[in-house]
Amino acid sequence: ECLKTEEELGIIAGKLFLFAMLSKDLDLSDAEAYGRYDRTVNIHALLAEKSSFIVPEIQQISRDTLERFLEEEPKLKIYAHYFENIRRMAPHTLDKEKERLLAMTSPLQSIPYDVFSLLENADLEFPE
């Protein structure tokens, strides 16, 4: 249930983010579009923060137990590759609290690119 909800929210958030990003990029002087983009970035960060516990929790499950879960619950089979990726990335994953803090900083991580992109692509009019 948790993985299905996370997947569904990710799809919805991705569509919202794509719409906001494309409408912002259509006209960089449109403050309303930029506001929508900022709100979707914050929504994405909130979703990442609230779901940041999932991967560390799955990594704590032994391989044998996880394989048994996959055998006993057919609905989990579609997540077998996802579970394998989680196992593979275990050495690079922080604990639950640190993953949550990292997720909370995600809006800050895009600031340098956003500022550069805005200045590089804006239709600035310079006086003659």
Protein backbone atom coordinates (compact mmCIF):
# COMPACT_ATOMS: atom_id res chain seq x y z
CA GLU A 1 0.00 0.00 0.00
CA CYS A 2 2.79 2.40 0.95
CA LEU A 3 4.79 1.78 -2.23
CA LYS A 4 1.68 2.11 -4.42
CA THR A 5 0.74 5.42 -2.76
CA GLU A 6 4.29 6.73 -3.12
CA GLU A 7 4.28 5.77 -6.80
CA GLU A 8 0.89 7.42 -7.45
CA LEU A 9 1.90 10.62 -5.64
CA GLY A 10 5.17 10.66 -7.58
CA ILE A 11 3.32 10.48 -10.88
CA ILE A 12 0.95 13.30 -9.92
CA ALA A 13 3.76 15.45 -8.52
CA GLY A 14 5.82 14.82 -11.66
CA LYS A 15 3.01 16.01 -13.91
CA LEU A 16 2.46 19.12 -11.77
CA PHE A 17 6.18 19.87 -11.77
CA LEU A 18 6.46 19.40 -15.53
CA PHE A 19 3.52 21.72 -16.20
CA ALA A 20 4.86 24.38 -13.83
CA MET A 21 8.39 24.14 -15.22
CA LEU A 22 7.27 24.36 -18.84
CA SER A 23 4.90 27.27 -18.19
CA LYS A 24 7.70 29.09 -16.32
CA ASP A 25 10.12 28.48 -19.18
CA LEU A 26 7.58 29.70 -21.73
CA ASP A 27 7.86 33.26 -20.44
CA LEU A 28 10.50 33.94 -17.81
CA SER A 29 8.96 37.31 -17.03
CA ASP A 30 5.68 35.68 -15.90
CA ALA A 31 5.82 36.00 -12.11
CA GLU A 32 2.66 33.93 -11.65
CA ALA A 33 4.16 30.99 -13.57
CA TYR A 34 7.36 31.30 -11.56
CA GLY A 35 5.31 31.23 -8.35
CA ARG A 36 3.60 28.02 -9.49
CA TYR A 37 7.00 26.51 -10.23
CA ASP A 38 8.30 27.45 -6.77
CA ARG A 39 5.24 25.91 -5.11
CA THR A 40 5.67 22.66 -7.03
CA VAL A 41 9.35 22.50 -6.04
CA ASN A 42 8.27 22.88 -2.42
CA ILE A 43 5.56 20.21 -2.83
CA HIS A 44 8.14 17.86 -4.32
CA ALA A 45 10.47 18.52 -1.37
CA LEU A 46 7.65 17.88 1.11
CA LEU A 47 6.77 14.58 -0.58
CA ALA A 48 10.45 13.57 -0.57
CA GLU A 49 10.72 14.46 3.11
CA LYS A 50 7.57 12.57 4.11
CA SER A 51 8.59 9.46 2.15
CA SER A 52 12.29 9.54 3.03
CA PHE A 53 11.83 6.77 5.62
CA ILE A 54 10.82 4.16 3.01
CA VAL A 55 14.21 3.26 1.54
CA PRO A 56 16.08 3.01 4.88
CA GLU A 57 13.24 0.86 6.27
CA ILE A 58 13.39 -1.52 3.29
CA GLN A 59 17.17 -1.72 3.59
CA GLN A 60 16.79 -2.98 7.16
CA ILE A 61 14.85 -6.02 5.96
CA SER A 62 17.07 -9.04 5.41
CA ARG A 63 17.40 -10.37 1.86
CA ASP A 64 15.79 -13.68 2.85
CA THR A 65 12.82 -11.98 4.48
CA LEU A 66 12.33 -9.69 1.49
CA GLU A 67 12.44 -12.66 -0.90
CA ARG A 68 9.89 -14.45 1.25
CA PHE A 69 7.63 -11.37 1.15
CA LEU A 70 7.91 -11.35 -2.64
CA GLU A 71 6.91 -15.01 -2.80
CA GLU A 72 4.02 -14.68 -0.36
CA GLU A 73 2.52 -11.44 -1.69
CA PRO A 74 1.98 -11.36 -5.47
CA LYS A 75 1.29 -7.59 -5.43
CA LEU A 76 4.90 -6.99 -4.38
CA LYS A 77 6.38 -8.73 -7.44
CA ILE A 78 6.15 -5.52 -9.50
CA TYR A 79 8.54 -3.93 -6.99
CA ALA A 80 11.21 -6.65 -7.20
CA HIS A 81 13.52 -4.50 -9.36
CA TYR A 82 12.91 -1.50 -7.08
CA PHE A 83 13.91 -3.62 -4.05
CA GLU A 84 17.04 -4.81 -5.85
CA ASN A 85 18.03 -1.21 -6.60
CA ILE A 86 17.48 -0.30 -2.96
CA ARG A 87 19.78 -3.15 -1.92
CA ARG A 88 22.40 -2.09 -4.46
CA MET A 89 22.32 1.54 -3.24
CA ALA A 90 22.52 0.63 0.46
CA PRO A 91 26.16 1.75 0.87
CA HIS A 92 25.18 5.20 -0.41
CA THR A 93 22.02 5.64 1.67
CA LEU A 94 21.91 7.56 4.93
CA ASP A 95 19.81 6.71 7.98
CA LYS A 96 16.15 7.82 8.13
CA GLU A 97 16.76 11.15 9.85
CA LYS A 98 19.64 12.18 7.59
CA GLU A 99 17.67 11.18 4.47
CA ARG A 100 14.79 13.35 5.73
CA LEU A 101 17.10 16.33 6.27
CA LEU A 102 18.59 15.86 2.82
CA ALA A 103 15.11 15.75 1.27
CA MET A 104 14.20 18.98 3.06
CA THR A 105 17.12 20.78 1.39
CA SER A 106 16.12 19.83 -2.16
CA PRO A 107 14.59 23.26 -3.01
CA LEU A 108 17.91 24.88 -2.09
CA GLN A 109 19.83 22.60 -4.43
CA SER A 110 18.17 24.06 -7.52
CA ILE A 111 18.76 27.74 -6.67
CA PRO A 112 22.10 28.18 -8.48
CA TYR A 113 20.74 26.63 -11.69
CA ASP A 114 17.46 28.55 -11.46
CA VAL A 115 19.26 31.88 -11.05
CA PHE A 116 21.68 31.12 -13.88
CA SER A 117 18.86 29.96 -16.15
CA LEU A 118 16.73 32.99 -15.38
CA LEU A 119 19.54 35.44 -16.17
CA GLU A 120 20.78 33.57 -19.22
CA ASN A 121 17.38 33.03 -20.85
CA ALA A 122 15.41 36.10 -19.83
CA ASP A 123 14.51 38.60 -22.50
CA LEU A 124 16.28 41.51 -20.88
CA GLU A 125 16.02 44.89 -22.55
CA PHE A 126 19.05 47.09 -22.11
CA PRO A 127 18.88 50.85 -22.62
CA GLU A 128 20.68 52.19 -25.65
